[in-house]
């Protein structure tokens, strides 16, 4: 998958929001976005919901350029009490699995009632490295480095309304 249109993304978000509405109707839900990449996706998901979750963010990353460093750095913590509440962690992409595993470990320390994951893009090849696959997935992706709709390369290209893969020429030019 080299390109996902803005229209396709919005259509998929509405489908995911309907599932979340059903799964969390009459439940105390907190959405926790992983910054920076999830902010566009999370905003559109929240606007598409009929339920009214509380929202918080945690800032963590493991990427430098187009490669995961393998080390997750956390720059902020939760500000909302999530004890005995349902939590859905919102990610732009689950690629190596390092960041979501790190964030999930942090959230587990707060004793939520449940933890699930919502991601726009999921690289299914990381399934074996995760304790639990994400419950809510926008798109399964294979190889390539994705930008747009919140996903970036070195802080750039987040503002695209669609998602696309970088060409090898673009990747090499940024090094």
Protein backbone atom coordinates (compact mmCIF):
# COMPACT_ATOMS: atom_id res chain seq x y z
CA UNK A 1 0.00 0.00 0.00
CA UNK A 2 1.78 3.11 -1.21
CA UNK A 3 -1.01 5.69 -0.86
CA UNK A 4 -4.15 6.06 1.26
CA UNK A 5 -6.40 8.92 0.21
CA UNK A 6 -7.85 11.47 2.61
CA UNK A 7 -11.34 10.23 1.72
CA UNK A 8 -10.43 6.61 2.48
CA UNK A 9 -8.91 7.61 5.82
CA UNK A 10 -12.04 9.52 6.85
CA UNK A 11 -14.28 6.65 5.80
CA UNK A 12 -12.21 4.20 7.85
CA UNK A 13 -12.21 6.51 10.87
CA UNK A 14 -16.00 6.62 10.82
CA UNK A 15 -16.07 2.80 10.79
CA UNK A 16 -13.62 2.60 13.69
CA UNK A 17 -15.54 5.27 15.65
CA UNK A 18 -18.76 3.30 15.26
CA UNK A 19 -17.04 0.22 16.70
CA UNK A 20 -15.62 2.25 19.60
CA UNK A 21 -19.06 3.78 20.23
CA UNK A 22 -20.52 0.30 20.49
CA UNK A 23 -17.70 -1.20 22.57
CA UNK A 24 -17.55 1.66 25.08
CA UNK A 25 -21.18 2.76 25.32
CA UNK A 26 -21.93 3.52 28.98
CA UNK A 27 -18.28 2.93 29.96
CA UNK A 28 -15.73 5.36 31.39
CA UNK A 29 -13.31 5.70 28.47
CA UNK A 30 -10.03 7.58 28.23
CA UNK A 31 -8.26 7.90 24.88
CA UNK A 32 -4.49 8.31 25.29
CA UNK A 33 -2.76 9.60 22.18
CA UNK A 34 0.91 8.93 21.60
CA UNK A 35 2.49 12.18 20.45
CA UNK A 36 3.50 13.49 18.09
CA UNK A 37 2.22 11.23 15.34
CA UNK A 38 -1.27 10.44 16.63
CA UNK A 39 -2.59 14.00 17.01
CA UNK A 40 -4.28 14.29 13.59
CA UNK A 41 -5.75 10.78 13.70
CA UNK A 42 -6.90 11.16 17.30
CA UNK A 43 -8.62 14.49 16.65
CA UNK A 44 -10.60 13.00 13.77
CA UNK A 45 -11.51 9.90 15.79
CA UNK A 46 -12.75 12.01 18.73
CA UNK A 47 -14.86 14.17 16.40
CA UNK A 48 -16.38 11.03 14.84
CA UNK A 49 -17.44 9.46 18.14
CA UNK A 50 -20.92 9.81 19.64
CA UNK A 51 -19.59 8.85 23.09
CA UNK A 52 -17.65 11.45 25.06
CA UNK A 53 -14.29 10.06 26.20
CA UNK A 54 -11.76 11.94 28.26
CA UNK A 55 -8.58 12.62 26.29
CA UNK A 56 -4.94 12.65 27.34
CA UNK A 57 -1.56 12.39 25.64
CA UNK A 58 1.82 10.88 26.32
CA UNK A 59 4.86 11.91 24.31
CA UNK A 60 7.18 9.07 23.36
CA UNK A 61 9.25 8.11 20.34
CA UNK A 62 11.90 5.76 19.08
CA UNK A 63 12.60 7.06 15.57
CA UNK A 64 15.52 8.99 14.14
CA UNK A 65 15.00 9.65 10.46
CA UNK A 66 13.51 6.54 8.86
CA UNK A 67 14.84 3.99 11.36
CA UNK A 68 13.78 2.98 14.86
CA UNK A 69 16.58 3.53 17.34
CA UNK A 70 15.26 0.59 19.37
CA UNK A 71 15.18 2.83 22.43
CA UNK A 72 11.93 4.51 23.43
CA UNK A 73 12.20 7.91 25.06
CA UNK A 74 9.25 9.27 27.03
CA UNK A 75 8.96 13.06 27.27
CA UNK A 76 5.68 13.43 29.16
CA UNK A 77 3.40 11.47 31.45
CA UNK A 78 -0.34 11.11 31.81
CA UNK A 79 -2.25 13.95 33.43
CA UNK A 80 -5.59 12.12 33.74
CA UNK A 81 -6.36 9.53 36.43
CA UNK A 82 -6.95 6.26 34.54
CA UNK A 83 -7.28 3.90 37.51
CA UNK A 84 -10.26 1.53 37.03
CA UNK A 85 -11.10 3.18 33.71
CA UNK A 86 -11.09 1.80 30.17
CA UNK A 87 -8.13 3.08 28.16
CA UNK A 88 -7.61 3.02 24.41
CA UNK A 89 -4.11 4.01 23.35
CA UNK A 90 -4.14 5.83 20.00
CA UNK A 91 -1.10 5.43 17.73
CA UNK A 92 -0.37 6.62 14.21
CA UNK A 93 1.57 3.47 13.31
CA UNK A 94 2.67 0.34 15.09
CA UNK A 95 5.85 -0.44 13.24
CA UNK A 96 8.53 -2.00 15.43
CA UNK A 97 6.21 -2.42 18.41
CA UNK A 98 8.71 -0.75 20.75
CA UNK A 99 6.76 2.44 21.44
CA UNK A 100 3.38 0.80 22.01
CA UNK A 101 4.95 -1.79 24.34
CA UNK A 102 6.66 0.99 26.32
CA UNK A 103 3.51 3.13 26.56
CA UNK A 104 1.35 0.13 27.48
CA UNK A 105 3.75 -0.72 30.32
CA UNK A 106 3.45 2.83 31.64
CA UNK A 107 -0.36 2.70 31.46
CA UNK A 108 -0.52 -0.70 33.18
CA UNK A 109 1.21 0.83 36.23
CA UNK A 110 -1.92 3.00 36.73
CA UNK A 111 -4.25 -0.03 37.03
CA UNK A 112 -6.84 0.72 34.35
CA UNK A 113 -9.84 -1.57 34.03
CA UNK A 114 -8.81 -2.40 30.45
CA UNK A 115 -6.26 -1.36 27.82
CA UNK A 116 -6.78 -1.62 24.08
CA UNK A 117 -4.97 -0.07 21.14
CA UNK A 118 -6.25 1.88 18.14
CA UNK A 119 -3.81 2.57 15.33
CA UNK A 120 -4.12 4.04 11.87
CA UNK A 121 -1.43 1.78 10.39
CA UNK A 122 -0.30 -1.61 11.65
CA UNK A 123 2.68 -3.53 10.35
CA UNK A 124 1.46 -7.08 10.92
CA UNK A 125 5.02 -8.40 10.84
CA UNK A 126 5.48 -7.17 14.45
CA UNK A 127 2.69 -9.43 15.79
CA UNK A 128 5.14 -11.88 17.32
CA UNK A 129 6.91 -9.17 19.33
CA UNK A 130 3.74 -7.71 20.93
CA UNK A 131 2.03 -9.05 24.04
CA UNK A 132 -1.30 -8.18 22.45
CA UNK A 133 -2.25 -7.19 18.91
CA UNK A 134 -4.11 -3.90 18.52
CA UNK A 135 -7.87 -4.35 18.69
CA UNK A 136 -8.71 -1.45 16.37
CA UNK A 137 -6.67 -1.15 13.16
CA UNK A 138 -7.19 1.29 10.32
CA UNK A 139 -4.95 -0.36 7.72
CA UNK A 140 -2.53 -3.27 7.59
CA UNK A 141 0.69 -2.22 5.88
CA UNK A 142 3.78 -4.03 4.76
CA UNK A 143 7.04 -2.34 3.93
CA UNK A 144 7.87 1.28 3.31
CA UNK A 145 8.25 4.46 5.31
CA UNK A 146 4.93 6.28 5.65
CA UNK A 147 4.34 10.02 5.91
CA UNK A 148 1.33 12.29 6.07
CA UNK A 149 -1.75 12.54 8.25
CA UNK A 150 0.42 13.00 11.34
CA UNK A 151 3.19 10.59 10.32
CA UNK A 152 6.49 12.31 9.70
CA UNK A 153 10.07 12.05 8.67
CA UNK A 154 12.22 14.17 10.96
CA UNK A 155 9.23 16.33 11.90
CA UNK A 156 8.20 17.05 8.30
CA UNK A 157 5.29 16.02 6.06
CA UNK A 158 2.80 15.55 8.95
CA UNK A 159 0.33 17.98 7.38
CA UNK A 160 -0.48 15.92 4.31
CA UNK A 161 -4.19 14.99 4.25
CA UNK A 162 -3.32 11.54 2.91
CA UNK A 163 -0.73 8.87 3.75
CA UNK A 164 1.96 7.85 1.32
CA UNK A 165 5.23 5.97 1.32
CA UNK A 166 8.46 7.77 0.69
CA UNK A 167 10.42 6.78 -2.37
CA UNK A 168 13.92 5.44 -1.82
CA UNK A 169 15.20 8.63 -3.46
CA UNK A 170 13.37 10.75 -0.83
CA UNK A 171 14.71 8.61 1.99
CA UNK A 172 18.27 8.85 0.67
CA UNK A 173 17.99 12.63 0.15
CA UNK A 174 17.18 13.18 3.83
CA UNK A 175 20.28 11.40 5.11
